[in-house]
PDB file of all heavy atoms in Angstrom:
ATOM      1  N   ASP A   1    -115.890 109.009 143.002  1.00  0.00           N
ATOM      2  CA  ASP A   1    -115.708 108.067 144.085  1.00  0.00           C
ATOM      3  C   ASP A   1    -116.849 108.129 145.091  1.00  0.00           C
ATOM      4  O   ASP A   1    -117.280 107.052 145.599  1.00  0.00           O
ATOM      5  CB  ASP A   1    -114.420 108.338 144.775  1.00  0.00           C
ATOM      6  CG  ASP A   1    -113.188 107.912 144.018  1.00  0.00           C
ATOM      7  OD1 ASP A   1    -113.348 107.110 143.033  1.00  0.00           O
ATOM      8  OD2 ASP A   1    -112.070 108.356 144.310  1.00  0.00           O
ATOM      9  N   VAL A   2    -117.381 109.313 145.333  1.00  0.00           N
ATOM     10  CA  VAL A   2    -118.488 109.452 146.303  1.00  0.00           C
ATOM     11  C   VAL A   2    -119.699 108.760 145.740  1.00  0.00           C
ATOM     12  O   VAL A   2    -120.419 108.043 146.454  1.00  0.00           O
ATOM     13  CB  VAL A   2    -118.812 110.960 146.492  1.00  0.00           C
ATOM     14  CG1 VAL A   2    -120.031 111.125 147.416  1.00  0.00           C
ATOM     15  CG2 VAL A   2    -117.628 111.640 147.157  1.00  0.00           C
ATOM     16  N   LEU A   3    -119.978 108.882 144.448  1.00  0.00           N
ATOM     17  CA  LEU A   3    -121.192 108.218 143.820  1.00  0.00           C
ATOM     18  C   LEU A   3    -121.017 106.751 143.849  1.00  0.00           C
ATOM     19  O   LEU A   3    -121.946 106.008 144.190  1.00  0.00           O
ATOM     20  CB  LEU A   3    -121.367 108.685 142.382  1.00  0.00           C
ATOM     21  CG  LEU A   3    -122.500 108.022 141.629  1.00  0.00           C
ATOM     22  CD1 LEU A   3    -123.833 108.491 142.234  1.00  0.00           C
ATOM     23  CD2 LEU A   3    -122.453 108.287 140.129  1.00  0.00           C
ATOM     24  N   LEU A   4    -119.841 106.183 143.458  1.00  0.00           N
ATOM     25  CA  LEU A   4    -119.652 104.750 143.366  1.00  0.00           C
ATOM     26  C   LEU A   4    -119.726 104.096 144.813  1.00  0.00           C
ATOM     27  O   LEU A   4    -120.317 103.056 144.941  1.00  0.00           O
ATOM     28  CB  LEU A   4    -118.370 104.421 142.717  1.00  0.00           C
ATOM     29  CG  LEU A   4    -118.321 104.746 141.211  1.00  0.00           C
ATOM     30  CD1 LEU A   4    -116.884 104.602 140.670  1.00  0.00           C
ATOM     31  CD2 LEU A   4    -119.261 103.834 140.466  1.00  0.00           C
ATOM     32  N   SER A   5    -119.213 104.828 145.806  1.00  0.00           N
ATOM     33  CA  SER A   5    -119.324 104.327 147.143  1.00  0.00           C
ATOM     34  C   SER A   5    -120.794 104.243 147.593  1.00  0.00           C
ATOM     35  O   SER A   5    -121.263 103.348 148.263  1.00  0.00           O
ATOM     36  CB  SER A   5    -118.514 105.186 148.117  1.00  0.00           C
ATOM     37  OG  SER A   5    -118.655 104.745 149.455  1.00  0.00           O
ATOM     38  N   LEU A   6    -121.516 105.329 147.241  1.00  0.00           N
ATOM     39  CA  LEU A   6    -122.945 105.400 147.547  1.00  0.00           C
ATOM     40  C   LEU A   6    -123.759 104.245 146.895  1.00  0.00           C
ATOM     41  O   LEU A   6    -124.610 103.629 147.504  1.00  0.00           O
ATOM     42  CB  LEU A   6    -123.525 106.724 147.069  1.00  0.00           C
ATOM     43  CG  LEU A   6    -125.033 106.982 147.169  1.00  0.00           C
ATOM     44  CD1 LEU A   6    -125.454 106.993 148.633  1.00  0.00           C
ATOM     45  CD2 LEU A   6    -125.415 108.295 146.492  1.00  0.00           C
ATOM     46  N   MET A   7    -123.440 103.952 145.580  1.00  0.00           N
ATOM     47  CA  MET A   7    -124.198 102.991 144.849  1.00  0.00           C
ATOM     48  C   MET A   7    -123.843 101.574 145.220  1.00  0.00           C
ATOM     49  O   MET A   7    -124.715 100.680 145.150  1.00  0.00           O
ATOM     50  CB  MET A   7    -124.030 103.226 143.351  1.00  0.00           C
ATOM     51  CG  MET A   7    -124.661 104.547 142.881  1.00  0.00           C
ATOM     52  SD  MET A   7    -124.482 104.805 141.095  1.00  0.00           S
ATOM     53  CE  MET A   7    -125.557 103.576 140.414  1.00  0.00           C
ATOM     54  N   TYR A   8    -122.564 101.319 145.478  1.00  0.00           N
ATOM     55  CA  TYR A   8    -122.125  99.884 145.563  1.00  0.00           C
ATOM     56  C   TYR A   8    -121.535  99.521 146.968  1.00  0.00           C
ATOM     57  O   TYR A   8    -121.321  98.366 147.237  1.00  0.00           O
ATOM     58  CB  TYR A   8    -121.104  99.610 144.516  1.00  0.00           C
ATOM     59  CG  TYR A   8    -121.713  99.739 143.144  1.00  0.00           C
ATOM     60  CD1 TYR A   8    -121.417 100.864 142.339  1.00  0.00           C
ATOM     61  CD2 TYR A   8    -122.531  98.780 142.629  1.00  0.00           C
ATOM     62  CE1 TYR A   8    -121.981 101.025 141.115  1.00  0.00           C
ATOM     63  CE2 TYR A   8    -123.100  98.929 141.370  1.00  0.00           C
ATOM     64  CZ  TYR A   8    -122.860 100.029 140.622  1.00  0.00           C
ATOM     65  OH  TYR A   8    -123.354 100.176 139.389  1.00  0.00           O
ATOM     66  N   GLY A   9    -121.310 100.525 147.813  1.00  0.00           N
ATOM     67  CA  GLY A   9    -120.887 100.210 149.180  1.00  0.00           C
ATOM     68  C   GLY A   9    -119.586  99.385 149.218  1.00  0.00           C
ATOM     69  O   GLY A   9    -118.678  99.576 148.461  1.00  0.00           O
ATOM     70  N   ASP A  10    -119.651  98.380 150.164  1.00  0.00           N
ATOM     71  CA  ASP A  10    -118.421  97.592 150.450  1.00  0.00           C
ATOM     72  C   ASP A  10    -118.274  96.397 149.471  1.00  0.00           C
ATOM     73  O   ASP A  10    -118.361  95.250 149.886  1.00  0.00           O
ATOM     74  CB  ASP A  10    -118.416  97.147 151.890  1.00  0.00           C
ATOM     75  CG  ASP A  10    -117.092  96.536 152.314  1.00  0.00           C
ATOM     76  OD1 ASP A  10    -116.087  96.829 151.630  1.00  0.00           O
ATOM     77  OD2 ASP A  10    -117.106  95.773 153.288  1.00  0.00           O
ATOM     78  N   GLN A  11    -118.114  96.759 148.208  1.00  0.00           N
ATOM     79  CA  GLN A  11    -117.832  95.741 147.179  1.00  0.00           C
ATOM     80  C   GLN A  11    -116.896  96.437 146.172  1.00  0.00           C
ATOM     81  O   GLN A  11    -116.786  97.650 146.231  1.00  0.00           O
ATOM     82  CB  GLN A  11    -119.086  95.132 146.551  1.00  0.00           C
ATOM     83  CG  GLN A  11    -120.045  96.124 145.966  1.00  0.00           C
ATOM     84  CD  GLN A  11    -121.285  95.423 145.414  1.00  0.00           C
ATOM     85  OE1 GLN A  11    -121.204  94.353 144.914  1.00  0.00           O
ATOM     86  NE2 GLN A  11    -122.445  96.135 145.473  1.00  0.00           N
ATOM     87  N   PRO A  12    -116.263  95.682 145.267  1.00  0.00           N
ATOM     88  CA  PRO A  12    -115.218  96.295 144.430  1.00  0.00           C
ATOM     89  C   PRO A  12    -115.619  97.518 143.753  1.00  0.00           C
ATOM     90  O   PRO A  12    -114.860  98.494 143.648  1.00  0.00           O
ATOM     91  CB  PRO A  12    -114.848  95.142 143.520  1.00  0.00           C
ATOM     92  CG  PRO A  12    -115.087  93.924 144.310  1.00  0.00           C
ATOM     93  CD  PRO A  12    -116.288  94.192 145.106  1.00  0.00           C
ATOM     94  N   PHE A  13    -116.819  97.565 143.139  1.00  0.00           N
ATOM     95  CA  PHE A  13    -117.254  98.778 142.364  1.00  0.00           C
ATOM     96  C   PHE A  13    -117.535  99.972 143.314  1.00  0.00           C
ATOM     97  O   PHE A  13    -117.680 101.100 142.825  1.00  0.00           O
ATOM     98  CB  PHE A  13    -118.431  98.453 141.480  1.00  0.00           C
ATOM     99  CG  PHE A  13    -118.109  97.851 140.200  1.00  0.00           C
ATOM    100  CD1 PHE A  13    -118.072  96.478 140.070  1.00  0.00           C
ATOM    101  CD2 PHE A  13    -117.732  98.593 139.096  1.00  0.00           C
ATOM    102  CE1 PHE A  13    -117.698  95.869 138.862  1.00  0.00           C
ATOM    103  CE2 PHE A  13    -117.369  98.031 137.904  1.00  0.00           C
ATOM    104  CZ  PHE A  13    -117.347  96.631 137.770  1.00  0.00           C
ATOM    105  N   GLY A  14    -117.654  99.718 144.582  1.00  0.00           N
ATOM    106  CA  GLY A  14    -117.799 100.831 145.558  1.00  0.00           C
ATOM    107  C   GLY A  14    -116.507 101.399 146.072  1.00  0.00           C
ATOM    108  O   GLY A  14    -116.498 102.359 146.806  1.00  0.00           O
ATOM    109  N   ARG A  15    -115.376 100.802 145.613  1.00  0.00           N
ATOM    110  CA  ARG A  15    -114.037 101.259 146.020  1.00  0.00           C
ATOM    111  C   ARG A  15    -113.318 101.885 144.879  1.00  0.00           C
ATOM    112  O   ARG A  15    -113.556 101.505 143.727  1.00  0.00           O
ATOM    113  CB  ARG A  15    -113.240 100.116 146.619  1.00  0.00           C
ATOM    114  CG  ARG A  15    -113.873  99.509 147.851  1.00  0.00           C
ATOM    115  CD  ARG A  15    -112.979  98.539 148.564  1.00  0.00           C
ATOM    116  NE  ARG A  15    -112.870  97.204 147.878  1.00  0.00           N
ATOM    117  CZ  ARG A  15    -113.619  96.159 148.159  1.00  0.00           C
ATOM    118  NH1 ARG A  15    -114.534  96.281 149.071  1.00  0.00           N
ATOM    119  NH2 ARG A  15    -113.435  95.016 147.526  1.00  0.00           N
ATOM    120  N   SER A  16    -112.434 102.796 145.171  1.00  0.00           N
ATOM    121  CA  SER A  16    -111.656 103.437 144.098  1.00  0.00           C
ATOM    122  C   SER A  16    -110.730 102.450 143.432  1.00  0.00           C
ATOM    123  O   SER A  16    -110.147 101.550 144.096  1.00  0.00           O
ATOM    124  CB  SER A  16    -110.860 104.566 144.680  1.00  0.00           C
ATOM    125  OG  SER A  16    -109.941 105.113 143.723  1.00  0.00           O
ATOM    126  N   ILE A  17    -110.570 102.561 142.107  1.00  0.00           N
ATOM    127  CA  ILE A  17    -109.649 101.708 141.360  1.00  0.00           C
ATOM    128  C   ILE A  17    -108.206 101.813 141.926  1.00  0.00           C
ATOM    129  O   ILE A  17    -107.497 100.833 142.017  1.00  0.00           O
ATOM    130  CB  ILE A  17    -109.611 102.084 139.842  1.00  0.00           C
ATOM    131  CG1 ILE A  17    -110.941 101.699 139.203  1.00  0.00           C
ATOM    132  CG2 ILE A  17    -108.438 101.453 139.154  1.00  0.00           C
ATOM    133  CD1 ILE A  17    -111.063 102.204 137.754  1.00  0.00           C
ATOM    134  N   ILE A  18    -107.859 102.995 142.369  1.00  0.00           N
ATOM    135  CA  ILE A  18    -106.517 103.183 142.874  1.00  0.00           C
ATOM    136  C   ILE A  18    -106.337 102.672 144.297  1.00  0.00           C
ATOM    137  O   ILE A  18    -105.188 102.580 144.798  1.00  0.00           O
ATOM    138  CB  ILE A  18    -106.233 104.734 142.847  1.00  0.00           C
ATOM    139  CG1 ILE A  18    -104.729 104.995 142.835  1.00  0.00           C
ATOM    140  CG2 ILE A  18    -106.920 105.507 143.922  1.00  0.00           C
ATOM    141  CD1 ILE A  18    -104.387 106.470 142.584  1.00  0.00           C
ATOM    142  N   GLY A  19    -107.408 102.323 144.951  1.00  0.00           N
ATOM    143  CA  GLY A  19    -107.318 101.796 146.332  1.00  0.00           C
ATOM    144  C   GLY A  19    -107.333 102.917 147.364  1.00  0.00           C
ATOM    145  O   GLY A  19    -107.614 104.067 147.069  1.00  0.00           O
ATOM    146  N   SER A  20    -107.054 102.557 148.615  1.00  0.00           N
ATOM    147  CA  SER A  20    -106.989 103.529 149.677  1.00  0.00           C
ATOM    148  C   SER A  20    -105.519 103.618 150.144  1.00  0.00           C
ATOM    149  O   SER A  20    -104.683 102.729 149.851  1.00  0.00           O
ATOM    150  CB  SER A  20    -107.890 103.081 150.847  1.00  0.00           C
ATOM    151  OG  SER A  20    -107.337 101.912 151.445  1.00  0.00           O
ATOM    152  N   LYS A  21    -105.219 104.661 150.924  1.00  0.00           N
ATOM    153  CA  LYS A  21    -103.821 104.769 151.429  1.00  0.00           C
ATOM    154  C   LYS A  21    -103.449 103.615 152.294  1.00  0.00           C
ATOM    155  O   LYS A  21    -102.332 103.098 152.240  1.00  0.00           O
ATOM    156  CB  LYS A  21    -103.705 106.101 152.203  1.00  0.00           C
ATOM    157  CG  LYS A  21    -103.843 107.324 151.311  1.00  0.00           C
ATOM    158  CD  LYS A  21    -103.699 108.630 152.107  1.00  0.00           C
ATOM    159  CE  LYS A  21    -103.838 109.794 151.141  1.00  0.00           C
ATOM    160  NZ  LYS A  21    -103.728 111.116 151.844  1.00  0.00           N
ATOM    161  N   GLU A  22    -104.441 103.107 153.087  1.00  0.00           N
ATOM    162  CA  GLU A  22    -104.163 101.974 153.983  1.00  0.00           C
ATOM    163  C   GLU A  22    -103.933 100.668 153.213  1.00  0.00           C
ATOM    164  O   GLU A  22    -103.008  99.965 153.501  1.00  0.00           O
ATOM    165  CB  GLU A  22    -105.376 101.796 154.939  1.00  0.00           C
ATOM    166  CG  GLU A  22    -105.609 102.920 155.903  1.00  0.00           C
ATOM    167  CD  GLU A  22    -106.220 104.144 155.299  1.00  0.00           C
ATOM    168  OE1 GLU A  22    -106.793 104.031 154.143  1.00  0.00           O
ATOM    169  OE2 GLU A  22    -106.084 105.256 155.873  1.00  0.00           O
ATOM    170  N   SER A  23    -104.726 100.422 152.197  1.00  0.00           N
ATOM    171  CA  SER A  23    -104.599  99.172 151.432  1.00  0.00           C
ATOM    172  C   SER A  23    -103.325  99.194 150.615  1.00  0.00           C
ATOM    173  O   SER A  23    -102.623  98.171 150.536  1.00  0.00           O
ATOM    174  CB  SER A  23    -105.783  98.947 150.517  1.00  0.00           C
ATOM    175  OG  SER A  23    -105.912  99.909 149.492  1.00  0.00           O
ATOM    176  N   VAL A  24    -102.984 100.321 150.043  1.00  0.00           N
ATOM    177  CA  VAL A  24    -101.703 100.404 149.211  1.00  0.00           C
ATOM    178  C   VAL A  24    -100.514 100.247 150.127  1.00  0.00           C
ATOM    179  O   VAL A  24     -99.570  99.568 149.795  1.00  0.00           O
ATOM    180  CB  VAL A  24    -101.700 101.705 148.441  1.00  0.00           C
ATOM    181  CG1 VAL A  24    -100.331 102.013 147.883  1.00  0.00           C
ATOM    182  CG2 VAL A  24    -102.698 101.669 147.316  1.00  0.00           C
ATOM    183  N   GLN A  25    -100.490 100.882 151.306  1.00  0.00           N
ATOM    184  CA  GLN A  25     -99.365 100.775 152.215  1.00  0.00           C
ATOM    185  C   GLN A  25     -99.166  99.350 152.646  1.00  0.00           C
ATOM    186  O   GLN A  25     -98.049  98.917 152.945  1.00  0.00           O
ATOM    187  CB  GLN A  25     -99.609 101.641 153.399  1.00  0.00           C
ATOM    188  CG  GLN A  25     -99.449 103.164 153.137  1.00  0.00           C
ATOM    189  CD  GLN A  25     -98.008 103.605 153.054  1.00  0.00           C
ATOM    190  OE1 GLN A  25     -97.103 102.797 152.776  1.00  0.00           O
ATOM    191  NE2 GLN A  25     -97.740 104.901 153.259  1.00  0.00           N
ATOM    192  N   ALA A  26    -100.224  98.538 152.733  1.00  0.00           N
ATOM    193  CA  ALA A  26    -100.157  97.206 153.225  1.00  0.00           C
ATOM    194  C   ALA A  26     -99.698  96.139 152.200  1.00  0.00           C
ATOM    195  O   ALA A  26     -99.330  95.043 152.579  1.00  0.00           O
ATOM    196  CB  ALA A  26    -101.506  96.772 153.836  1.00  0.00           C
ATOM    197  N   LEU A  27     -99.667  96.510 150.962  1.00  0.00           N
ATOM    198  CA  LEU A  27     -99.277  95.556 149.902  1.00  0.00           C
ATOM    199  C   LEU A  27     -97.812  95.239 149.951  1.00  0.00           C
ATOM    200  O   LEU A  27     -96.966  96.097 150.087  1.00  0.00           O
ATOM    201  CB  LEU A  27     -99.666  96.099 148.517  1.00  0.00           C
ATOM    202  CG  LEU A  27    -101.193  96.208 148.252  1.00  0.00           C
ATOM    203  CD1 LEU A  27    -101.469  96.971 146.930  1.00  0.00           C
ATOM    204  CD2 LEU A  27    -101.828  94.836 148.229  1.00  0.00           C
ATOM    205  N   LEU A  28     -97.504  93.942 149.736  1.00  0.00           N
ATOM    206  CA  LEU A  28     -96.147  93.421 149.778  1.00  0.00           C
ATOM    207  C   LEU A  28     -95.768  92.729 148.490  1.00  0.00           C
ATOM    208  O   LEU A  28     -96.648  92.336 147.675  1.00  0.00           O
ATOM    209  CB  LEU A  28     -95.979  92.467 150.946  1.00  0.00           C
ATOM    210  CG  LEU A  28     -96.264  93.012 152.331  1.00  0.00           C
ATOM    211  CD1 LEU A  28     -96.254  91.923 153.358  1.00  0.00           C
ATOM    212  CD2 LEU A  28     -95.373  94.155 152.699  1.00  0.00           C
ATOM    213  N   ARG A  29     -94.511  92.539 148.258  1.00  0.00           N
ATOM    214  CA  ARG A  29     -94.004  91.928 146.996  1.00  0.00           C
ATOM    215  C   ARG A  29     -94.728  90.587 146.696  1.00  0.00           C
ATOM    216  O   ARG A  29     -95.098  90.320 145.554  1.00  0.00           O
ATOM    217  CB  ARG A  29     -92.512  91.723 147.053  1.00  0.00           C
ATOM    218  CG  ARG A  29     -91.934  91.216 145.700  1.00  0.00           C
ATOM    219  CD  ARG A  29     -90.408  91.268 145.723  1.00  0.00           C
ATOM    220  NE  ARG A  29     -89.873  90.934 144.422  1.00  0.00           N
ATOM    221  CZ  ARG A  29     -89.537  89.695 144.070  1.00  0.00           C
ATOM    222  NH1 ARG A  29     -89.641  88.707 144.940  1.00  0.00           N
ATOM    223  NH2 ARG A  29     -89.069  89.411 142.861  1.00  0.00           N
ATOM    224  N   PRO A  30     -94.917  89.666 147.636  1.00  0.00           N
ATOM    225  CA  PRO A  30     -95.624  88.412 147.345  1.00  0.00           C
ATOM    226  C   PRO A  30     -97.005  88.648 146.805  1.00  0.00           C
ATOM    227  O   PRO A  30     -97.522  87.831 146.049  1.00  0.00           O
ATOM    228  CB  PRO A  30     -95.652  87.679 148.706  1.00  0.00           C
ATOM    229  CG  PRO A  30     -94.436  88.211 149.411  1.00  0.00           C
ATOM    230  CD  PRO A  30     -94.413  89.628 149.066  1.00  0.00           C
ATOM    231  N   ASP A  31     -97.655  89.770 147.143  1.00  0.00           N
ATOM    232  CA  ASP A  31     -98.992  90.033 146.652  1.00  0.00           C
ATOM    233  C   ASP A  31     -98.962  90.236 145.126  1.00  0.00           C
ATOM    234  O   ASP A  31     -99.816  89.757 144.384  1.00  0.00           O
ATOM    235  CB  ASP A  31     -99.595  91.260 147.338  1.00  0.00           C
ATOM    236  CG  ASP A  31     -99.810  91.116 148.805  1.00  0.00           C
ATOM    237  OD1 ASP A  31    -100.269  90.045 149.185  1.00  0.00           O
ATOM    238  OD2 ASP A  31     -99.501  92.030 149.576  1.00  0.00           O
ATOM    239  N   PHE A  32     -97.930  90.980 144.683  1.00  0.00           N
ATOM    240  CA  PHE A  32     -97.772  91.246 143.265  1.00  0.00           C
ATOM    241  C   PHE A  32     -97.463  89.976 142.508  1.00  0.00           C
ATOM    242  O   PHE A  32     -98.031  89.688 141.416  1.00  0.00           O
ATOM    243  CB  PHE A  32     -96.632  92.245 143.032  1.00  0.00           C
ATOM    244  CG  PHE A  32     -96.959  93.623 143.541  1.00  0.00           C
ATOM    245  CD1 PHE A  32     -96.668  93.943 144.883  1.00  0.00           C
ATOM    246  CD2 PHE A  32     -97.516  94.616 142.736  1.00  0.00           C
ATOM    247  CE1 PHE A  32     -96.950  95.155 145.363  1.00  0.00           C
ATOM    248  CE2 PHE A  32     -97.763  95.864 143.239  1.00  0.00           C
ATOM    249  CZ  PHE A  32     -97.506  96.140 144.576  1.00  0.00           C
ATOM    250  N   LEU A  33     -96.607  89.168 143.048  1.00  0.00           N
ATOM    251  CA  LEU A  33     -96.141  87.950 142.366  1.00  0.00           C
ATOM    252  C   LEU A  33     -97.365  86.914 142.194  1.00  0.00           C
ATOM    253  O   LEU A  33     -97.567  86.342 141.111  1.00  0.00           O
ATOM    254  CB  LEU A  33     -95.027  87.277 143.107  1.00  0.00           C
ATOM    255  CG  LEU A  33     -93.714  88.106 143.183  1.00  0.00           C
ATOM    256  CD1 LEU A  33     -92.690  87.370 144.069  1.00  0.00           C
ATOM    257  CD2 LEU A  33     -93.169  88.369 141.799  1.00  0.00           C
ATOM    258  N   SER A  34     -98.123  86.757 143.256  1.00  0.00           N
ATOM    259  CA  SER A  34     -99.195  85.800 143.172  1.00  0.00           C
ATOM    260  C   SER A  34    -100.311  86.348 142.305  1.00  0.00           C
ATOM    261  O   SER A  34    -100.961  85.584 141.551  1.00  0.00           O
ATOM    262  CB  SER A  34     -99.741  85.466 144.584  1.00  0.00           C
ATOM    263  OG  SER A  34    -100.200  86.646 145.248  1.00  0.00           O
ATOM    264  N   TYR A  35    -100.624  87.623 142.363  1.00  0.00           N
ATOM    265  CA  TYR A  35    -101.692  88.197 141.560  1.00  0.00           C
ATOM    266  C   TYR A  35    -101.378  88.109 140.045  1.00  0.00           C
ATOM    267  O   TYR A  35    -102.214  87.747 139.247  1.00  0.00           O
ATOM    268  CB  TYR A  35    -101.874  89.639 141.953  1.00  0.00           C
ATOM    269  CG  TYR A  35    -103.177  90.307 141.584  1.00  0.00           C
ATOM    270  CD1 TYR A  35    -104.367  89.948 142.223  1.00  0.00           C
ATOM    271  CD2 TYR A  35    -103.260  91.236 140.507  1.00  0.00           C
ATOM    272  CE1 TYR A  35    -105.574  90.579 141.857  1.00  0.00           C
ATOM    273  CE2 TYR A  35    -104.478  91.812 140.164  1.00  0.00           C
ATOM    274  CZ  TYR A  35    -105.636  91.504 140.847  1.00  0.00           C
ATOM    275  OH  TYR A  35    -106.797  92.108 140.506  1.00  0.00           O
ATOM    276  N   LYS A  36    -100.111  88.429 139.734  1.00  0.00           N
ATOM    277  CA  LYS A  36     -99.657  88.297 138.349  1.00  0.00           C
ATOM    278  C   LYS A  36     -99.691  86.897 137.882  1.00  0.00           C
ATOM    279  O   LYS A  36    -100.126  86.561 136.746  1.00  0.00           O
ATOM    280  CB  LYS A  36     -98.248  88.861 138.192  1.00  0.00           C
ATOM    281  CG  LYS A  36     -97.754  88.955 136.769  1.00  0.00           C
ATOM    282  CD  LYS A  36     -96.437  89.759 136.686  1.00  0.00           C
ATOM    283  CE  LYS A  36     -96.016  89.915 135.248  1.00  0.00           C
ATOM    284  NZ  LYS A  36     -95.563  88.680 134.617  1.00  0.00           N
ATOM    285  N   LYS A  37     -99.252  85.950 138.694  1.00  0.00           N
ATOM    286  CA  LYS A  37     -99.298  84.520 138.317  1.00  0.00           C
ATOM    287  C   LYS A  37    -100.730  84.062 138.071  1.00  0.00           C
ATOM    288  O   LYS A  37    -100.972  83.236 137.149  1.00  0.00           O
ATOM    289  CB  LYS A  37     -98.650  83.661 139.462  1.00  0.00           C
ATOM    290  CG  LYS A  37     -98.640  82.229 139.114  1.00  0.00           C
ATOM    291  CD  LYS A  37     -97.985  81.436 140.270  1.00  0.00           C
ATOM    292  CE  LYS A  37     -98.022  79.905 139.975  1.00  0.00           C
ATOM    293  NZ  LYS A  37     -97.415  79.151 141.133  1.00  0.00           N
ATOM    294  N   ASP A  38    -101.657  84.481 138.868  1.00  0.00           N
ATOM    295  CA  ASP A  38    -103.043  84.053 138.752  1.00  0.00           C
ATOM    296  C   ASP A  38    -103.708  84.652 137.505  1.00  0.00           C
ATOM    297  O   ASP A  38    -104.506  83.938 136.839  1.00  0.00           O
ATOM    298  CB  ASP A  38    -103.831  84.511 139.979  1.00  0.00           C
ATOM    299  CG  ASP A  38    -103.487  83.651 141.218  1.00  0.00           C
ATOM    300  OD1 ASP A  38    -102.825  82.552 141.053  1.00  0.00           O
ATOM    301  OD2 ASP A  38    -103.811  84.107 142.352  1.00  0.00           O
ATOM    302  N   PHE A  39    -103.467  85.905 137.200  1.00  0.00           N
ATOM    303  CA  PHE A  39    -104.259  86.634 136.184  1.00  0.00           C
ATOM    304  C   PHE A  39    -103.533  86.956 134.869  1.00  0.00           C
ATOM    305  O   PHE A  39    -104.177  86.980 133.858  1.00  0.00           O
ATOM    306  CB  PHE A  39    -104.832  87.870 136.757  1.00  0.00           C
ATOM    307  CG  PHE A  39    -105.849  87.646 137.896  1.00  0.00           C
ATOM    308  CD1 PHE A  39    -105.545  88.032 139.219  1.00  0.00           C
ATOM    309  CD2 PHE A  39    -107.052  87.045 137.651  1.00  0.00           C
ATOM    310  CE1 PHE A  39    -106.414  87.868 140.256  1.00  0.00           C
ATOM    311  CE2 PHE A  39    -107.980  86.824 138.684  1.00  0.00           C
ATOM    312  CZ  PHE A  39    -107.625  87.246 139.961  1.00  0.00           C
ATOM    313  N   TYR A  40    -102.210  87.107 134.904  1.00  0.00           N
ATOM    314  CA  TYR A  40    -101.506  87.511 133.726  1.00  0.00           C
ATOM    315  C   TYR A  40    -101.114  86.244 132.944  1.00  0.00           C
ATOM    316  O   TYR A  40     -99.957  85.850 132.860  1.00  0.00           O
ATOM    317  CB  TYR A  40    -100.294  88.342 134.034  1.00  0.00           C
ATOM    318  CG  TYR A  40    -100.591  89.772 134.323  1.00  0.00           C
ATOM    319  CD1 TYR A  40    -101.612  90.162 135.187  1.00  0.00           C
ATOM    320  CD2 TYR A  40     -99.894  90.818 133.694  1.00  0.00           C
ATOM    321  CE1 TYR A  40    -101.915  91.487 135.434  1.00  0.00           C
ATOM    322  CE2 TYR A  40    -100.173  92.136 133.913  1.00  0.00           C
ATOM    323  CZ  TYR A  40    -101.186  92.470 134.804  1.00  0.00           C
ATOM    324  OH  TYR A  40    -101.502  93.814 135.061  1.00  0.00           O
ATOM    325  N   THR A  41    -102.146  85.581 132.385  1.00  0.00           N
ATOM    326  CA  THR A  41    -101.984  84.302 131.693  1.00  0.00           C
ATOM    327  C   THR A  41    -102.391  84.465 130.227  1.00  0.00           C
ATOM    328  O   THR A  41    -103.040  85.464 129.880  1.00  0.00           O
ATOM    329  CB  THR A  41    -102.827  83.236 132.328  1.00  0.00           C
ATOM    330  OG1 THR A  41    -104.189  83.587 132.256  1.00  0.00           O
ATOM    331  CG2 THR A  41    -102.490  83.004 133.822  1.00  0.00           C
ATOM    332  N   ALA A  42    -102.031  83.510 129.429  1.00  0.00           N
ATOM    333  CA  ALA A  42    -102.347  83.594 127.976  1.00  0.00           C
ATOM    334  C   ALA A  42    -103.838  83.637 127.759  1.00  0.00           C
ATOM    335  O   ALA A  42    -104.348  84.383 126.947  1.00  0.00           O
ATOM    336  CB  ALA A  42    -101.692  82.413 127.270  1.00  0.00           C
ATOM    337  N   ALA A  43    -104.598  82.765 128.464  1.00  0.00           N
ATOM    338  CA  ALA A  43    -106.049  82.694 128.243  1.00  0.00           C
ATOM    339  C   ALA A  43    -106.711  83.954 128.688  1.00  0.00           C
ATOM    340  O   ALA A  43    -107.862  84.249 128.270  1.00  0.00           O
ATOM    341  CB  ALA A  43    -106.600  81.511 129.017  1.00  0.00           C
ATOM    342  N   ASN A  44    -106.100  84.786 129.484  1.00  0.00           N
ATOM    343  CA  ASN A  44    -106.684  86.014 129.998  1.00  0.00           C
ATOM    344  C   ASN A  44    -106.073  87.297 129.278  1.00  0.00           C
ATOM    345  O   ASN A  44    -106.342  88.367 129.734  1.00  0.00           O
ATOM    346  CB  ASN A  44    -106.456  86.127 131.523  1.00  0.00           C
ATOM    347  CG  ASN A  44    -107.483  86.921 132.212  1.00  0.00           C
ATOM    348  OD1 ASN A  44    -108.685  86.903 131.832  1.00  0.00           O
ATOM    349  ND2 ASN A  44    -107.111  87.670 133.242  1.00  0.00           N
ATOM    350  N   THR A  45    -105.335  87.046 128.219  1.00  0.00           N
ATOM    351  CA  THR A  45    -104.610  88.127 127.543  1.00  0.00           C
ATOM    352  C   THR A  45    -105.062  88.300 126.095  1.00  0.00           C
ATOM    353  O   THR A  45    -105.297  87.311 125.428  1.00  0.00           O
ATOM    354  CB  THR A  45    -103.092  87.866 127.572  1.00  0.00           C
ATOM    355  OG1 THR A  45    -102.661  87.774 128.931  1.00  0.00           O
ATOM    356  CG2 THR A  45    -102.284  88.993 126.876  1.00  0.00           C
ATOM    357  N   VAL A  46    -105.146  89.556 125.666  1.00  0.00           N
ATOM    358  CA  VAL A  46    -105.460  89.889 124.318  1.00  0.00           C
ATOM    359  C   VAL A  46    -104.347  90.844 123.804  1.00  0.00           C
ATOM    360  O   VAL A  46    -104.063  91.792 124.483  1.00  0.00           O
ATOM    361  CB  VAL A  46    -106.831  90.564 124.151  1.00  0.00           C
ATOM    362  CG1 VAL A  46    -107.046  91.075 122.717  1.00  0.00           C
ATOM    363  CG2 VAL A  46    -107.963  89.673 124.549  1.00  0.00           C
TER     364      VAL A  46
END
């Protein structure tokens, strides 16, 4: 995590896959429903 933060900074590859304690605590049920609707589609599935 230290290396990826160093290399990529404030962009997705610079953040941990698991997120931060603050970001995880802030997630709500509508976030899951909209994210799944947007990405868990047939064209995006193998």
